[in-house]
């Protein structure tokens, strides 16, 4: 871990997803319907747990259109990660 990743409250620069980042995203979007999000990059912030901001490509089933979105997820120290906000960009 870099010094920046250890800094409580500071966001890391966006970077490629690690297997752990991918697992958090998968758990938080389990059962999510309507729009499909494919994570491309992630930034994280250590708090009481970890906040994640995923830059993702969004698509709707049956539509050729796609757009970019920020999917914000909170992963508590104990418990399942969950979506806190999705912002279309």
C-alpha atoms as a PDB file:
ATOM      1  CA  UNK A   1       0.000   0.000   0.000  1.00  0.00           C
ATOM      2  CA  UNK A   2       1.241   3.471  -0.780  1.00  0.00           C
ATOM      3  CA  UNK A   3       1.309   6.262   1.782  1.00  0.00           C
ATOM      4  CA  UNK A   4      -1.659   7.898   0.030  1.00  0.00           C
ATOM      5  CA  UNK A   5      -3.764   4.741   0.348  1.00  0.00           C
ATOM      6  CA  UNK A   6      -3.080   4.726   4.100  1.00  0.00           C
ATOM      7  CA  UNK A   7      -4.123   8.357   4.530  1.00  0.00           C
ATOM      8  CA  UNK A   8      -7.499   8.312   6.270  1.00  0.00           C
ATOM      9  CA  UNK A   9      -9.945  10.610   4.508  1.00  0.00           C
ATOM     10  CA  UNK A  10      -7.830  11.066   1.369  1.00  0.00           C
ATOM     11  CA  UNK A  11      -8.970   9.709  -2.009  1.00  0.00           C
ATOM     12  CA  UNK A  12      -6.492   7.676  -4.039  1.00  0.00           C
ATOM     13  CA  UNK A  13      -5.958   8.568  -7.697  1.00  0.00           C
ATOM     14  CA  UNK A  14      -8.142   6.542 -10.104  1.00  0.00           C
ATOM     15  CA  UNK A  15      -6.442   3.266 -10.991  1.00  0.00           C
ATOM     16  CA  UNK A  16      -7.102  -0.139 -12.554  1.00  0.00           C
ATOM     17  CA  UNK A  17      -9.271  -2.434 -10.443  1.00  0.00           C
ATOM     18  CA  UNK A  18      -7.642  -5.009  -8.195  1.00  0.00           C
ATOM     19  CA  UNK A  19      -9.385  -8.355  -7.580  1.00  0.00           C
ATOM     20  CA  UNK A  20     -10.617  -6.915  -4.236  1.00  0.00           C
ATOM     21  CA  UNK A  21     -12.051  -3.813  -5.989  1.00  0.00           C
ATOM     22  CA  UNK A  22     -13.830  -6.084  -8.484  1.00  0.00           C
ATOM     23  CA  UNK A  23     -15.296  -8.200  -5.668  1.00  0.00           C
ATOM     24  CA  UNK A  24     -16.606  -5.128  -3.781  1.00  0.00           C
ATOM     25  CA  UNK A  25     -18.269  -3.881  -6.990  1.00  0.00           C
ATOM     26  CA  UNK A  26     -19.799  -7.302  -7.693  1.00  0.00           C
ATOM     27  CA  UNK A  27     -21.177  -7.670  -4.137  1.00  0.00           C
ATOM     28  CA  UNK A  28     -22.648  -4.157  -4.068  1.00  0.00           C
ATOM     29  CA  UNK A  29     -24.441  -4.584  -7.422  1.00  0.00           C
ATOM     30  CA  UNK A  30     -25.713  -8.100  -6.727  1.00  0.00           C
ATOM     31  CA  UNK A  31     -29.392  -8.158  -7.676  1.00  0.00           C
ATOM     32  CA  UNK A  32     -29.246  -4.657  -9.226  1.00  0.00           C
ATOM     33  CA  UNK A  33     -31.544  -4.460 -12.268  1.00  0.00           C
ATOM     34  CA  UNK A  34     -32.270  -1.971 -15.047  1.00  0.00           C
ATOM     35  CA  UNK A  35     -28.819  -0.708 -16.005  1.00  0.00           C
ATOM     36  CA  UNK A  36     -25.645  -2.766 -16.378  1.00  0.00           C
ATOM     37  CA  UNK A  37     -22.454  -1.140 -15.068  1.00  0.00           C
ATOM     38  CA  UNK A  38     -18.980  -2.250 -16.150  1.00  0.00           C
ATOM     39  CA  UNK A  39     -16.277  -0.798 -13.867  1.00  0.00           C
ATOM     40  CA  UNK A  40     -13.216   0.637 -15.620  1.00  0.00           C
ATOM     41  CA  UNK A  41     -11.294   2.573 -12.941  1.00  0.00           C
ATOM     42  CA  UNK A  42     -11.620   3.047  -9.178  1.00  0.00           C
ATOM     43  CA  UNK A  43     -10.642   5.522  -6.476  1.00  0.00           C
ATOM     44  CA  UNK A  44     -10.947   4.695  -2.774  1.00  0.00           C
ATOM     45  CA  UNK A  45     -11.070   6.513   0.541  1.00  0.00           C
ATOM     46  CA  UNK A  46     -10.408   4.916   3.928  1.00  0.00           C
ATOM     47  CA  UNK A  47     -12.981   5.962   6.529  1.00  0.00           C
ATOM     48  CA  UNK A  48     -14.762   3.729   9.055  1.00  0.00           C
ATOM     49  CA  UNK A  49     -14.728   1.125   6.274  1.00  0.00           C
ATOM     50  CA  UNK A  50     -13.906   2.166   2.705  1.00  0.00           C
ATOM     51  CA  UNK A  51     -15.647   4.429   0.191  1.00  0.00           C
ATOM     52  CA  UNK A  52     -15.201   3.583  -3.481  1.00  0.00           C
ATOM     53  CA  UNK A  53     -15.829   5.646  -6.614  1.00  0.00           C
ATOM     54  CA  UNK A  54     -15.955   3.469  -9.705  1.00  0.00           C
ATOM     55  CA  UNK A  55     -15.821   5.063 -13.157  1.00  0.00           C
ATOM     56  CA  UNK A  56     -18.035   2.730 -15.140  1.00  0.00           C
ATOM     57  CA  UNK A  57     -19.612   2.281 -18.529  1.00  0.00           C
ATOM     58  CA  UNK A  58     -23.393   2.004 -18.241  1.00  0.00           C
ATOM     59  CA  UNK A  59     -25.695   0.229 -20.689  1.00  0.00           C
ATOM     60  CA  UNK A  60     -29.384  -0.626 -20.717  1.00  0.00           C
ATOM     61  CA  UNK A  61     -30.458  -4.067 -21.922  1.00  0.00           C
ATOM     62  CA  UNK A  62     -31.793  -3.859 -25.470  1.00  0.00           C
ATOM     63  CA  UNK A  63     -30.273  -0.437 -26.136  1.00  0.00           C
ATOM     64  CA  UNK A  64     -27.140   0.234 -28.202  1.00  0.00           C
ATOM     65  CA  UNK A  65     -26.427   3.421 -26.210  1.00  0.00           C
ATOM     66  CA  UNK A  66     -23.920   3.620 -23.392  1.00  0.00           C
ATOM     67  CA  UNK A  67     -22.761   6.384 -21.067  1.00  0.00           C
ATOM     68  CA  UNK A  68     -20.239   6.991 -18.310  1.00  0.00           C
ATOM     69  CA  UNK A  69     -21.218   6.988 -14.661  1.00  0.00           C
ATOM     70  CA  UNK A  70     -19.642   7.188 -11.227  1.00  0.00           C
ATOM     71  CA  UNK A  71     -20.893   4.373  -8.991  1.00  0.00           C
ATOM     72  CA  UNK A  72     -20.227   5.215  -5.335  1.00  0.00           C
ATOM     73  CA  UNK A  73     -20.078   2.266  -2.954  1.00  0.00           C
ATOM     74  CA  UNK A  74     -19.509   2.052   0.784  1.00  0.00           C
ATOM     75  CA  UNK A  75     -17.880  -1.105   2.143  1.00  0.00           C
ATOM     76  CA  UNK A  76     -18.232  -1.295   5.939  1.00  0.00           C
ATOM     77  CA  UNK A  77     -15.542  -3.033   7.982  1.00  0.00           C
ATOM     78  CA  UNK A  78     -18.079  -5.769   8.742  1.00  0.00           C
ATOM     79  CA  UNK A  79     -20.984  -6.322   6.374  1.00  0.00           C
ATOM     80  CA  UNK A  80     -21.907  -6.213   2.717  1.00  0.00           C
ATOM     81  CA  UNK A  81     -20.820  -3.322   0.461  1.00  0.00           C
ATOM     82  CA  UNK A  82     -23.715  -1.233  -0.878  1.00  0.00           C
ATOM     83  CA  UNK A  83     -24.333   1.500  -3.452  1.00  0.00           C
ATOM     84  CA  UNK A  84     -24.573   4.968  -1.932  1.00  0.00           C
ATOM     85  CA  UNK A  85     -24.991   6.964  -5.159  1.00  0.00           C
ATOM     86  CA  UNK A  86     -24.824   6.687  -8.943  1.00  0.00           C
ATOM     87  CA  UNK A  87     -24.013   9.809 -10.960  1.00  0.00           C
ATOM     88  CA  UNK A  88     -24.296   9.978 -14.754  1.00  0.00           C
ATOM     89  CA  UNK A  89     -21.353  11.924 -16.189  1.00  0.00           C
END
